Protein backbone atom coordinates (compact mmCIF):
# COMPACT_ATOMS: atom_id res chain seq x y z
CA UNK A 1 -50.44 -127.04 119.93
CA UNK A 2 -54.06 -127.05 121.18
CA UNK A 3 -55.05 -124.24 123.51
CA UNK A 4 -56.89 -125.08 126.97
CA UNK A 5 -60.09 -123.51 125.31
CA UNK A 6 -59.81 -125.98 122.78
CA UNK A 7 -60.23 -129.11 124.37
CA UNK A 8 -62.72 -131.53 123.16
CA UNK A 9 -65.30 -132.94 125.63
CA UNK A 10 -65.37 -136.72 124.87
CA UNK A 11 -68.65 -138.79 124.60
CA UNK A 12 -67.59 -140.74 127.66
CA UNK A 13 -66.83 -140.27 131.15
CA UNK A 14 -63.73 -141.35 133.26
CA UNK A 15 -63.99 -144.20 135.71
CA UNK A 16 -64.72 -141.75 138.47
CA UNK A 17 -67.72 -140.26 136.25
CA UNK A 18 -65.65 -137.05 135.50
CA UNK A 19 -65.67 -135.73 132.01
CA UNK A 20 -62.85 -136.82 129.62
CA UNK A 21 -61.20 -134.05 127.17
CA UNK A 22 -59.15 -134.53 124.04
CA UNK A 23 -56.27 -132.14 123.43
CA UNK A 24 -55.25 -132.61 119.54
CA UNK A 25 -54.64 -130.48 116.42
CA UNK A 26 -55.52 -133.57 114.27
CA UNK A 27 -59.37 -133.73 113.92
CA UNK A 28 -58.85 -136.77 111.81
CA UNK A 29 -56.67 -138.63 114.47
CA UNK A 30 -57.77 -141.97 116.03
CA UNK A 31 -59.22 -140.65 119.29
CA UNK A 32 -61.05 -137.81 117.35
CA UNK A 33 -62.56 -140.38 114.83
CA UNK A 34 -63.48 -142.72 117.77
CA UNK A 35 -65.18 -139.94 119.55
CA UNK A 36 -67.18 -139.00 116.39
CA UNK A 37 -68.08 -142.62 115.80
CA UNK A 38 -69.48 -143.03 119.48
CA UNK A 39 -71.31 -139.63 119.32
CA UNK A 40 -72.88 -141.09 116.16
CA UNK A 41 -74.06 -144.25 117.92
CA UNK A 42 -75.08 -142.38 120.86
CA UNK A 43 -77.27 -139.98 118.68
CA UNK A 44 -78.84 -142.91 116.79
CA UNK A 45 -79.51 -144.66 120.17
CA UNK A 46 -81.37 -141.55 121.04
CA UNK A 47 -83.44 -141.76 117.97
CA UNK A 48 -84.30 -145.28 118.36
CA UNK A 49 -85.28 -144.74 121.89
CA UNK A 50 -87.56 -141.87 120.85
CA UNK A 51 -89.50 -144.02 118.57
CA UNK A 52 -89.74 -146.63 121.36
CA UNK A 53 -90.93 -144.22 123.80
CA UNK A 54 -93.67 -142.97 121.55
CA UNK A 55 -94.76 -146.53 120.82
CA UNK A 56 -94.71 -147.55 124.51
CA UNK A 57 -96.54 -144.20 125.49
CA UNK A 58 -99.31 -145.14 122.90
CA UNK A 59 -99.54 -148.60 124.38
CA UNK A 60 -102.23 -148.73 126.83
CA UNK A 61 -101.00 -152.15 127.94
CA UNK A 62 -97.56 -151.04 128.89
CA UNK A 63 -97.12 -151.75 132.41
CA UNK A 64 -95.06 -149.97 134.94
CA UNK A 65 -91.90 -151.88 134.71
CA UNK A 66 -91.93 -151.28 131.02
CA UNK A 67 -92.21 -147.33 131.62
CA UNK A 68 -89.46 -147.68 134.45
CA UNK A 69 -86.95 -149.35 132.08
CA UNK A 70 -87.61 -147.08 129.12
CA UNK A 71 -87.50 -144.02 131.52
CA UNK A 72 -83.86 -145.45 132.63
CA UNK A 73 -82.78 -145.80 129.00
CA UNK A 74 -84.03 -142.34 128.11
CA UNK A 75 -82.42 -140.54 131.06
CA UNK A 76 -79.05 -142.29 129.99
CA UNK A 77 -79.37 -141.51 126.40
CA UNK A 78 -80.52 -137.84 127.05
CA UNK A 79 -77.34 -137.55 129.38
CA UNK A 80 -75.31 -138.51 126.25
CA UNK A 81 -76.93 -136.21 123.91
CA UNK A 82 -76.35 -133.20 126.09
CA UNK A 83 -72.85 -134.34 126.13
CA UNK A 84 -72.64 -134.34 122.49
CA UNK A 85 -74.41 -131.14 122.29
CA UNK A 86 -72.11 -129.47 124.74
CA UNK A 87 -68.96 -130.51 123.06
CA UNK A 88 -70.25 -129.49 119.47
CA UNK A 89 -71.50 -126.27 120.83
CA UNK A 90 -68.12 -125.67 122.22
CA UNK A 91 -66.24 -126.84 119.32
CA UNK A 92 -68.49 -124.42 116.89
CA UNK A 93 -67.48 -121.31 119.51
CA UNK A 94 -63.96 -122.20 119.27
CA UNK A 95 -63.83 -122.29 115.63
CA UNK A 96 -65.93 -119.09 115.24
CA UNK A 97 -63.24 -117.37 117.61
CA UNK A 98 -60.99 -115.08 115.85
CA UNK A 99 -57.39 -116.58 115.82
CA UNK A 100 -54.77 -114.39 116.78
CA UNK A 101 -51.04 -114.93 115.52
């Protein structure tokens, strides 16, 4: 059984905006794989947005609306990436803890 400190922070929020957690010992189960896939998509989106941000900031003709939209997308992506980082750092910390029988 999964100990409370081994809950996985999922890469999405509940309908009320609160964090969602997964409690499972099966790292290859459906929900674990789904979370891994969504995290991968979120990180890929962040990479694409970073490239777009660089291009937009280098474009002297970028208008204010383009910059606002980019800022909104970057903010959402940063939120996702921070959730992924938080989840993974927690999982690393749990995996490094000595397990007592």
